[in-house]
Amino acid sequence: MNHYWPSGGYVGAICTYSAGGREDLSVRSSRYSVAPVEIGDLVEVTYDRKNPERSMLSFEVGNRVGYDTALTVVMGTLWAGAVVGIFLTW
């Protein structure tokens, strides 16, 4: 586990892991104002067994699932509004 510094004064974590016979895989966290974990900490990585490159840090799973759900709801609402708007203009 190591840190990276994207722009804007934020910090994130980079974790390397082994899966599916590969030992060269890595995953980055989101960016935080304070380091989410310390260098050298062991961090659990969740990955797709069929495609080990698709992964995320376990401590971010709850946040990401919430983000994906919110994005889906917003996009679904916009799509429904567009469809209703089309029908109302006919």
Protein backbone atom coordinates (compact mmCIF):
# COMPACT_ATOMS: atom_id res chain seq x y z
CA MET A 1 0.00 0.00 0.00
CA ASN A 2 1.27 3.42 -0.93
CA HIS A 3 -0.08 6.95 -1.43
CA TYR A 4 -0.61 9.09 -4.51
CA TRP A 5 -1.32 12.82 -4.68
CA PRO A 6 -3.78 13.95 -7.35
CA SER A 7 -4.27 17.67 -7.94
CA GLY A 8 -6.05 19.86 -5.45
CA GLY A 9 -4.17 18.81 -2.31
CA TYR A 10 -5.86 15.42 -2.03
CA VAL A 11 -4.32 12.05 -1.24
CA GLY A 12 -5.31 8.53 -2.22
CA ALA A 13 -4.12 4.98 -1.73
CA ILE A 14 -2.59 2.63 -4.27
CA CYS A 15 -2.72 -1.03 -3.31
CA THR A 16 -1.09 -3.93 -5.10
CA TYR A 17 -2.63 -7.39 -4.96
CA SER A 18 -2.42 -10.88 -6.41
CA ALA A 19 -5.35 -12.62 -8.08
CA GLY A 20 -5.99 -15.15 -10.80
CA GLY A 21 -2.34 -16.21 -10.89
CA ARG A 22 -1.17 -12.61 -11.40
CA GLU A 23 0.91 -10.69 -8.90
CA ASP A 24 1.16 -7.33 -10.68
CA LEU A 25 -2.34 -5.96 -10.13
CA SER A 26 -3.06 -2.62 -8.46
CA VAL A 27 -6.06 -0.51 -7.54
CA ARG A 28 -6.36 3.16 -6.57
CA SER A 29 -8.71 4.59 -4.00
CA SER A 30 -10.79 7.69 -4.42
CA ARG A 31 -9.10 10.89 -3.32
CA TYR A 32 -9.40 12.13 0.26
CA SER A 33 -8.41 15.23 2.17
CA VAL A 34 -6.64 12.96 4.70
CA ALA A 35 -4.94 9.66 3.82
CA PRO A 36 -7.55 6.87 4.05
CA VAL A 37 -4.93 4.34 5.22
CA GLU A 38 -1.30 4.45 6.24
CA ILE A 39 1.61 3.30 4.09
CA GLY A 40 2.23 -0.38 4.74
CA ASP A 41 -1.27 -1.12 6.07
CA LEU A 42 -2.89 -4.30 4.86
CA VAL A 43 -6.04 -3.43 2.95
CA GLU A 44 -8.66 -5.86 1.67
CA VAL A 45 -9.27 -5.70 -2.08
CA THR A 46 -12.54 -6.89 -3.63
CA TYR A 47 -12.26 -8.05 -7.22
CA ASP A 48 -14.18 -9.88 -9.93
CA ARG A 49 -12.90 -13.47 -10.08
CA LYS A 50 -13.56 -13.64 -13.82
CA ASN A 51 -11.72 -10.37 -14.42
CA PRO A 52 -9.31 -9.65 -11.53
CA GLU A 53 -8.41 -6.22 -12.97
CA ARG A 54 -11.92 -5.04 -12.00
CA SER A 55 -11.38 -4.28 -8.36
CA MET A 56 -11.93 -1.82 -5.57
CA LEU A 57 -10.78 -1.33 -2.02
CA SER A 58 -13.15 -2.95 0.46
CA PHE A 59 -13.38 0.14 2.65
CA GLU A 60 -14.83 2.04 -0.35
CA VAL A 61 -17.44 -0.53 -1.40
CA GLY A 62 -20.25 1.05 0.65
CA ASN A 63 -19.50 4.53 -0.69
CA ARG A 64 -19.25 3.35 -4.27
CA VAL A 65 -22.46 1.34 -4.15
CA GLY A 66 -24.27 4.40 -2.79
CA TYR A 67 -22.77 6.59 -5.52
CA ASP A 68 -23.75 4.13 -8.27
CA THR A 69 -27.29 3.88 -6.91
CA ALA A 70 -27.68 7.66 -6.74
CA LEU A 71 -26.30 8.07 -10.26
CA THR A 72 -28.71 5.42 -11.58
CA VAL A 73 -31.68 7.14 -9.92
CA VAL A 74 -30.72 10.55 -11.33
CA MET A 75 -30.15 9.22 -14.84
CA GLY A 76 -33.39 7.20 -14.72
CA THR A 77 -35.34 10.28 -13.63
CA LEU A 78 -33.83 12.38 -16.43
CA TRP A 79 -34.59 9.68 -19.00
CA ALA A 80 -38.19 9.35 -17.78
CA GLY A 81 -38.60 13.13 -17.92
CA ALA A 82 -37.29 13.19 -21.48
CA VAL A 83 -39.70 10.46 -22.57
CA VAL A 84 -42.66 12.23 -20.94
CA GLY A 85 -41.56 15.50 -22.58
CA ILE A 86 -41.50 13.84 -26.00
CA PHE A 87 -44.99 12.44 -25.56
CA LEU A 88 -46.37 15.75 -24.30
CA THR A 89 -45.03 17.64 -27.33
CA TRP A 90 -46.85 15.41 -29.85
